[in-house]
Amino acid sequence: MTVTADFIAQIVIFIFGTTSILLIARKNKWGFVVALIAQPFWFYTTYVNHQWGAFIVSFIYTASWIYGLYEWFWRKK
């Protein structure tokens, strides 16, 4: 088996994606940070594989994760 950059990206997406969902489900603000770490890998793999719908949705997810960071880390309550 040849290990490609896309294969590595898929592994990173799996690890960071599932971790971020679990953290957010437990109301842990660090889930948003972990989710943002995965986003460049989403952009890469969707671009390389010409998955344009998922590529565009990646921008929406990125904005959502940034909004979550704002809400949990900086917004005055």
PDB file of N, CA and C in Angstrom:
ATOM      1  N   MET A   1       0.836  -1.183   0.000  1.00  0.00           N
ATOM      2  CA  MET A   1       0.000   0.000   0.000  1.00  0.00           C
ATOM      3  C   MET A   1       0.879   1.244   0.000  1.00  0.00           C
ATOM      4  N   THR A   2       0.567   2.161  -0.880  1.00  0.00           N
ATOM      5  CA  THR A   2       1.289   3.420  -0.950  1.00  0.00           C
ATOM      6  C   THR A   2       0.571   4.457  -0.088  1.00  0.00           C
ATOM      7  N   VAL A   3       1.314   5.089   0.786  1.00  0.00           N
ATOM      8  CA  VAL A   3       0.743   6.126   1.641  1.00  0.00           C
ATOM      9  C   VAL A   3       0.857   7.455   0.908  1.00  0.00           C
ATOM     10  N   THR A   4      -0.284   8.039   0.624  1.00  0.00           N
ATOM     11  CA  THR A   4      -0.309   9.315  -0.084  1.00  0.00           C
ATOM     12  C   THR A   4      -0.724  10.427   0.875  1.00  0.00           C
ATOM     13  N   ALA A   5      -0.546  11.657   0.429  1.00  0.00           N
ATOM     14  CA  ALA A   5      -0.958  12.800   1.240  1.00  0.00           C
ATOM     15  C   ALA A   5      -2.460  12.766   1.492  1.00  0.00           C
ATOM     16  N   ASP A   6      -3.224  12.330   0.493  1.00  0.00           N
ATOM     17  CA  ASP A   6      -4.674  12.241   0.668  1.00  0.00           C
ATOM     18  C   ASP A   6      -5.039  11.196   1.715  1.00  0.00           C
ATOM     19  N   PHE A   7      -4.342  10.083   1.736  1.00  0.00           N
ATOM     20  CA  PHE A   7      -4.584   9.039   2.735  1.00  0.00           C
ATOM     21  C   PHE A   7      -4.294   9.565   4.137  1.00  0.00           C
ATOM     22  N   ILE A   8      -3.201  10.280   4.280  1.00  0.00           N
ATOM     23  CA  ILE A   8      -2.850  10.876   5.580  1.00  0.00           C
ATOM     24  C   ILE A   8      -3.916  11.884   5.989  1.00  0.00           C
ATOM     25  N   ALA A   9      -4.381  12.691   5.034  1.00  0.00           N
ATOM     26  CA  ALA A   9      -5.436  13.669   5.317  1.00  0.00           C
ATOM     27  C   ALA A   9      -6.699  12.969   5.812  1.00  0.00           C
ATOM     28  N   GLN A  10      -7.043  11.848   5.206  1.00  0.00           N
ATOM     29  CA  GLN A  10      -8.230  11.099   5.628  1.00  0.00           C
ATOM     30  C   GLN A  10      -8.086  10.591   7.063  1.00  0.00           C
ATOM     31  N   ILE A  11      -6.902  10.149   7.423  1.00  0.00           N
ATOM     32  CA  ILE A  11      -6.662   9.682   8.792  1.00  0.00           C
ATOM     33  C   ILE A  11      -6.787  10.844   9.774  1.00  0.00           C
ATOM     34  N   VAL A  12      -6.184  11.981   9.429  1.00  0.00           N
ATOM     35  CA  VAL A  12      -6.261  13.164  10.297  1.00  0.00           C
ATOM     36  C   VAL A  12      -7.713  13.611  10.451  1.00  0.00           C
ATOM     37  N   ILE A  13      -8.462  13.623   9.358  1.00  0.00           N
ATOM     38  CA  ILE A  13      -9.881  14.001   9.418  1.00  0.00           C
ATOM     39  C   ILE A  13     -10.635  13.062  10.349  1.00  0.00           C
ATOM     40  N   PHE A  14     -10.382  11.776  10.236  1.00  0.00           N
ATOM     41  CA  PHE A  14     -11.055  10.809  11.104  1.00  0.00           C
ATOM     42  C   PHE A  14     -10.731  11.061  12.571  1.00  0.00           C
ATOM     43  N   ILE A  15      -9.455  11.195  12.887  1.00  0.00           N
ATOM     44  CA  ILE A  15      -9.035  11.357  14.288  1.00  0.00           C
ATOM     45  C   ILE A  15      -9.534  12.672  14.872  1.00  0.00           C
ATOM     46  N   PHE A  16      -9.240  13.782  14.182  1.00  0.00           N
ATOM     47  CA  PHE A  16      -9.617  15.079  14.725  1.00  0.00           C
ATOM     48  C   PHE A  16     -11.115  15.334  14.608  1.00  0.00           C
ATOM     49  N   GLY A  17     -11.734  14.821  13.552  1.00  0.00           N
ATOM     50  CA  GLY A  17     -13.173  15.003  13.380  1.00  0.00           C
ATOM     51  C   GLY A  17     -13.971  14.316  14.474  1.00  0.00           C
ATOM     52  N   THR A  18     -13.671  13.052  14.715  1.00  0.00           N
ATOM     53  CA  THR A  18     -14.410  12.327  15.750  1.00  0.00           C
ATOM     54  C   THR A  18     -14.100  12.865  17.145  1.00  0.00           C
ATOM     55  N   THR A  19     -12.859  13.233  17.377  1.00  0.00           N
ATOM     56  CA  THR A  19     -12.493  13.804  18.673  1.00  0.00           C
ATOM     57  C   THR A  19     -13.235  15.111  18.919  1.00  0.00           C
ATOM     58  N   SER A  20     -13.301  15.964  17.902  1.00  0.00           N
ATOM     59  CA  SER A  20     -13.985  17.247  18.083  1.00  0.00           C
ATOM     60  C   SER A  20     -15.475  17.049  18.360  1.00  0.00           C
ATOM     61  N   ILE A  21     -16.105  16.121  17.664  1.00  0.00           N
ATOM     62  CA  ILE A  21     -17.527  15.867  17.897  1.00  0.00           C
ATOM     63  C   ILE A  21     -17.760  15.363  19.319  1.00  0.00           C
ATOM     64  N   LEU A  22     -16.917  14.456  19.776  1.00  0.00           N
ATOM     65  CA  LEU A  22     -17.061  13.938  21.140  1.00  0.00           C
ATOM     66  C   LEU A  22     -16.863  15.044  22.180  1.00  0.00           C
ATOM     67  N   LEU A  23     -15.864  15.891  21.970  1.00  0.00           N
ATOM     68  CA  LEU A  23     -15.622  16.986  22.915  1.00  0.00           C
ATOM     69  C   LEU A  23     -16.789  17.972  22.943  1.00  0.00           C
ATOM     70  N   ILE A  24     -17.280  18.342  21.783  1.00  0.00           N
ATOM     71  CA  ILE A  24     -18.392  19.295  21.722  1.00  0.00           C
ATOM     72  C   ILE A  24     -19.644  18.678  22.341  1.00  0.00           C
ATOM     73  N   ALA A  25     -19.868  17.403  22.118  1.00  0.00           N
ATOM     74  CA  ALA A  25     -21.019  16.726  22.708  1.00  0.00           C
ATOM     75  C   ALA A  25     -20.953  16.744  24.236  1.00  0.00           C
ATOM     76  N   ARG A  26     -19.735  16.771  24.762  1.00  0.00           N
ATOM     77  CA  ARG A  26     -19.540  16.829  26.216  1.00  0.00           C
ATOM     78  C   ARG A  26     -19.452  18.267  26.718  1.00  0.00           C
ATOM     79  N   LYS A  27     -19.779  19.224  25.844  1.00  0.00           N
ATOM     80  CA  LYS A  27     -19.749  20.658  26.155  1.00  0.00           C
ATOM     81  C   LYS A  27     -18.353  21.132  26.556  1.00  0.00           C
ATOM     82  N   ASN A  28     -17.372  20.590  25.860  1.00  0.00           N
ATOM     83  CA  ASN A  28     -15.984  20.981  26.081  1.00  0.00           C
ATOM     84  C   ASN A  28     -15.580  21.926  24.953  1.00  0.00           C
ATOM     85  N   LYS A  29     -15.215  23.148  25.319  1.00  0.00           N
ATOM     86  CA  LYS A  29     -14.913  24.174  24.316  1.00  0.00           C
ATOM     87  C   LYS A  29     -13.725  23.825  23.434  1.00  0.00           C
ATOM     88  N   TRP A  30     -12.866  22.938  23.868  1.00  0.00           N
ATOM     89  CA  TRP A  30     -11.689  22.587  23.073  1.00  0.00           C
ATOM     90  C   TRP A  30     -12.049  21.781  21.833  1.00  0.00           C
ATOM     91  N   GLY A  31     -13.271  21.298  21.768  1.00  0.00           N
ATOM     92  CA  GLY A  31     -13.724  20.608  20.571  1.00  0.00           C
ATOM     93  C   GLY A  31     -13.707  21.509  19.348  1.00  0.00           C
ATOM     94  N   PHE A  32     -13.972  22.792  19.551  1.00  0.00           N
ATOM     95  CA  PHE A  32     -13.945  23.735  18.433  1.00  0.00           C
ATOM     96  C   PHE A  32     -12.516  23.944  17.922  1.00  0.00           C
ATOM     97  N   VAL A  33     -11.569  23.936  18.822  1.00  0.00           N
ATOM     98  CA  VAL A  33     -10.158  24.065  18.432  1.00  0.00           C
ATOM     99  C   VAL A  33      -9.731  22.837  17.627  1.00  0.00           C
ATOM    100  N   VAL A  34     -10.076  21.670  18.120  1.00  0.00           N
ATOM    101  CA  VAL A  34      -9.719  20.427  17.430  1.00  0.00           C
ATOM    102  C   VAL A  34     -10.370  20.383  16.047  1.00  0.00           C
ATOM    103  N   ALA A  35     -11.617  20.819  15.964  1.00  0.00           N
ATOM    104  CA  ALA A  35     -12.313  20.841  14.675  1.00  0.00           C
ATOM    105  C   ALA A  35     -11.607  21.764  13.687  1.00  0.00           C
ATOM    106  N   LEU A  36     -11.151  22.908  14.159  1.00  0.00           N
ATOM    107  CA  LEU A  36     -10.436  23.833  13.272  1.00  0.00           C
ATOM    108  C   LEU A  36      -9.110  23.259  12.794  1.00  0.00           C
ATOM    109  N   ILE A  37      -8.469  22.477  13.624  1.00  0.00           N
ATOM    110  CA  ILE A  37      -7.210  21.842  13.219  1.00  0.00           C
ATOM    111  C   ILE A  37      -7.458  20.903  12.036  1.00  0.00           C
ATOM    112  N   ALA A  38      -8.621  20.258  11.993  1.00  0.00           N
ATOM    113  CA  ALA A  38      -8.950  19.327  10.915  1.00  0.00           C
ATOM    114  C   ALA A  38      -9.308  20.031   9.610  1.00  0.00           C
ATOM    115  N   GLN A  39      -9.727  21.281   9.668  1.00  0.00           N
ATOM    116  CA  GLN A  39     -10.245  21.951   8.478  1.00  0.00           C
ATOM    117  C   GLN A  39      -9.273  22.032   7.300  1.00  0.00           C
ATOM    118  N   PRO A  40      -8.001  22.338   7.498  1.00  0.00           N
ATOM    119  CA  PRO A  40      -7.104  22.361   6.328  1.00  0.00           C
ATOM    120  C   PRO A  40      -7.056  21.013   5.599  1.00  0.00           C
ATOM    121  N   PHE A  41      -7.199  19.943   6.342  1.00  0.00           N
ATOM    122  CA  PHE A  41      -7.187  18.614   5.735  1.00  0.00           C
ATOM    123  C   PHE A  41      -8.469  18.367   4.948  1.00  0.00           C
ATOM    124  N   TRP A  42      -9.578  18.907   5.430  1.00  0.00           N
ATOM    125  CA  TRP A  42     -10.824  18.856   4.659  1.00  0.00           C
ATOM    126  C   TRP A  42     -10.664  19.614   3.346  1.00  0.00           C
ATOM    127  N   PHE A  43     -10.121  20.823   3.434  1.00  0.00           N
ATOM    128  CA  PHE A  43      -9.926  21.613   2.217  1.00  0.00           C
ATOM    129  C   PHE A  43      -9.046  20.866   1.223  1.00  0.00           C
ATOM    130  N   TYR A  44      -7.972  20.306   1.714  1.00  0.00           N
ATOM    131  CA  TYR A  44      -7.036  19.603   0.839  1.00  0.00           C
ATOM    132  C   TYR A  44      -7.693  18.413   0.150  1.00  0.00           C
ATOM    133  N   THR A  45      -8.289  17.528   0.940  1.00  0.00           N
ATOM    134  CA  THR A  45      -8.813  16.292   0.359  1.00  0.00           C
ATOM    135  C   THR A  45     -10.009  16.540  -0.559  1.00  0.00           C
ATOM    136  N   THR A  46     -10.849  17.519  -0.235  1.00  0.00           N
ATOM    137  CA  THR A  46     -11.980  17.796  -1.126  1.00  0.00           C
ATOM    138  C   THR A  46     -11.512  18.451  -2.417  1.00  0.00           C
ATOM    139  N   TYR A  47     -10.476  19.274  -2.327  1.00  0.00           N
ATOM    140  CA  TYR A  47      -9.933  19.909  -3.532  1.00  0.00           C
ATOM    141  C   TYR A  47      -9.260  18.879  -4.445  1.00  0.00           C
ATOM    142  N   VAL A  48      -8.411  18.054  -3.856  1.00  0.00           N
ATOM    143  CA  VAL A  48      -7.662  17.057  -4.629  1.00  0.00           C
ATOM    144  C   VAL A  48      -8.606  16.065  -5.313  1.00  0.00           C
ATOM    145  N   ASN A  49      -9.692  15.723  -4.642  1.00  0.00           N
ATOM    146  CA  ASN A  49     -10.634  14.738  -5.182  1.00  0.00           C
ATOM    147  C   ASN A  49     -11.799  15.379  -5.939  1.00  0.00           C
ATOM    148  N   HIS A  50     -11.702  16.670  -6.174  1.00  0.00           N
ATOM    149  CA  HIS A  50     -12.713  17.400  -6.952  1.00  0.00           C
ATOM    150  C   HIS A  50     -14.117  17.246  -6.384  1.00  0.00           C
ATOM    151  N   GLN A  51     -14.216  17.289  -5.062  1.00  0.00           N
ATOM    152  CA  GLN A  51     -15.514  17.201  -4.389  1.00  0.00           C
ATOM    153  C   GLN A  51     -15.957  18.628  -4.060  1.00  0.00           C
ATOM    154  N   TRP A  52     -16.461  19.316  -5.060  1.00  0.00           N
ATOM    155  CA  TRP A  52     -16.682  20.753  -4.947  1.00  0.00           C
ATOM    156  C   TRP A  52     -17.771  21.118  -3.953  1.00  0.00           C
ATOM    157  N   GLY A  53     -18.789  20.304  -3.831  1.00  0.00           N
ATOM    158  CA  GLY A  53     -19.829  20.585  -2.838  1.00  0.00           C
ATOM    159  C   GLY A  53     -19.267  20.531  -1.432  1.00  0.00           C
ATOM    160  N   ALA A  54     -18.515  19.487  -1.148  1.00  0.00           N
ATOM    161  CA  ALA A  54     -17.889  19.346   0.169  1.00  0.00           C
ATOM    162  C   ALA A  54     -16.837  20.427   0.392  1.00  0.00           C
ATOM    163  N   PHE A  55     -16.171  20.837  -0.671  1.00  0.00           N
ATOM    164  CA  PHE A  55     -15.182  21.912  -0.565  1.00  0.00           C
ATOM    165  C   PHE A  55     -15.858  23.206  -0.115  1.00  0.00           C
ATOM    166  N   ILE A  56     -16.981  23.526  -0.727  1.00  0.00           N
ATOM    167  CA  ILE A  56     -17.713  24.744  -0.346  1.00  0.00           C
ATOM    168  C   ILE A  56     -18.268  24.625   1.070  1.00  0.00           C
ATOM    169  N   VAL A  57     -18.796  23.459   1.409  1.00  0.00           N
ATOM    170  CA  VAL A  57     -19.321  23.244   2.760  1.00  0.00           C
ATOM    171  C   VAL A  57     -18.207  23.385   3.799  1.00  0.00           C
ATOM    172  N   SER A  58     -16.980  23.058   3.436  1.00  0.00           N
ATOM    173  CA  SER A  58     -15.853  23.201   4.363  1.00  0.00           C
ATOM    174  C   SER A  58     -15.693  24.646   4.829  1.00  0.00           C
ATOM    175  N   PHE A  59     -15.993  25.595   3.960  1.00  0.00           N
ATOM    176  CA  PHE A  59     -15.943  27.004   4.365  1.00  0.00           C
ATOM    177  C   PHE A  59     -17.019  27.315   5.399  1.00  0.00           C
ATOM    178  N   ILE A  60     -18.185  26.719   5.225  1.00  0.00           N
ATOM    179  CA  ILE A  60     -19.277  26.931   6.182  1.00  0.00           C
ATOM    180  C   ILE A  60     -18.923  26.310   7.526  1.00  0.00           C
ATOM    181  N   TYR A  61     -18.364  25.109   7.497  1.00  0.00           N
ATOM    182  CA  TYR A  61     -17.921  24.478   8.741  1.00  0.00           C
ATOM    183  C   TYR A  61     -16.850  25.320   9.430  1.00  0.00           C
ATOM    184  N   THR A  62     -15.903  25.824   8.665  1.00  0.00           N
ATOM    185  CA  THR A  62     -14.842  26.648   9.253  1.00  0.00           C
ATOM    186  C   THR A  62     -15.442  27.868   9.947  1.00  0.00           C
ATOM    187  N   ALA A  63     -16.378  28.533   9.288  1.00  0.00           N
ATOM    188  CA  ALA A  63     -17.039  29.688   9.897  1.00  0.00           C
ATOM    189  C   ALA A  63     -17.787  29.275  11.170  1.00  0.00           C
ATOM    190  N   SER A  64     -18.411  28.116  11.148  1.00  0.00           N
ATOM    191  CA  SER A  64     -19.139  27.629  12.326  1.00  0.00           C
ATOM    192  C   SER A  64     -18.199  27.342  13.487  1.00  0.00           C
ATOM    193  N   TRP A  65     -17.074  26.724  13.203  1.00  0.00           N
ATOM    194  CA  TRP A  65     -16.099  26.433  14.271  1.00  0.00           C
ATOM    195  C   TRP A  65     -15.534  27.725  14.849  1.00  0.00           C
ATOM    196  N   ILE A  66     -15.274  28.703  13.981  1.00  0.00           N
ATOM    197  CA  ILE A  66     -14.770  29.999  14.465  1.00  0.00           C
ATOM    198  C   ILE A  66     -15.817  30.686  15.334  1.00  0.00           C
ATOM    199  N   TYR A  67     -17.066  30.610  14.919  1.00  0.00           N
ATOM    200  CA  TYR A  67     -18.147  31.185  15.727  1.00  0.00           C
ATOM    201  C   TYR A  67     -18.222  30.484  17.087  1.00  0.00           C
ATOM    202  N   GLY A  68     -18.079  29.165  17.096  1.00  0.00           N
ATOM    203  CA  GLY A  68     -18.063  28.424  18.356  1.00  0.00           C
ATOM    204  C   GLY A  68     -16.917  28.852  19.254  1.00  0.00           C
ATOM    205  N   LEU A  69     -15.749  29.076  18.665  1.00  0.00           N
ATOM    206  CA  LEU A  69     -14.613  29.580  19.447  1.00  0.00           C
ATOM    207  C   LEU A  69     -14.940  30.922  20.076  1.00  0.00           C
ATOM    208  N   TYR A  70     -15.529  31.803  19.281  1.00  0.00           N
ATOM    209  CA  TYR A  70     -15.907  33.122  19.807  1.00  0.00           C
ATOM    210  C   TYR A  70     -16.875  32.963  20.978  1.00  0.00           C
ATOM    211  N   GLU A  71     -17.895  32.167  20.799  1.00  0.00           N
ATOM    212  CA  GLU A  71     -18.914  31.994  21.842  1.00  0.00           C
ATOM    213  C   GLU A  71     -18.328  31.433  23.135  1.00  0.00           C
ATOM    214  N   TRP A  72     -17.430  30.467  23.016  1.00  0.00           N
ATOM    215  CA  TRP A  72     -16.914  29.793  24.204  1.00  0.00           C
ATOM    216  C   TRP A  72     -15.710  30.472  24.836  1.00  0.00           C
ATOM    217  N   PHE A  73     -14.881  31.154  24.025  1.00  0.00           N
ATOM    218  CA  PHE A  73     -13.635  31.704  24.564  1.00  0.00           C
ATOM    219  C   PHE A  73     -13.687  33.211  24.812  1.00  0.00           C
ATOM    220  N   TRP A  74     -14.383  33.972  23.967  1.00  0.00           N
ATOM    221  CA  TRP A  74     -14.264  35.425  24.041  1.00  0.00           C
ATOM    222  C   TRP A  74     -15.530  36.190  24.371  1.00  0.00           C
ATOM    223  N   ARG A  75     -16.670  35.602  24.124  1.00  0.00           N
ATOM    224  CA  ARG A  75     -17.917  36.327  24.356  1.00  0.00           C
ATOM    225  C   ARG A  75     -18.137  36.551  25.842  1.00  0.00           C
ATOM    226  N   LYS A  76     -18.477  37.772  26.183  1.00  0.00           N
ATOM    227  CA  LYS A  76     -18.747  38.107  27.581  1.00  0.00           C
ATOM    228  C   LYS A  76     -20.155  37.606  27.917  1.00  0.00           C
ATOM    229  N   LYS A  77     -20.239  36.906  29.009  1.00  0.00           N
ATOM    230  CA  LYS A  77     -21.534  36.340  29.418  1.00  0.00           C
ATOM    231  C   LYS A  77     -22.114  37.073  30.597  1.00  0.00           C
TER     232      LYS A  77
END
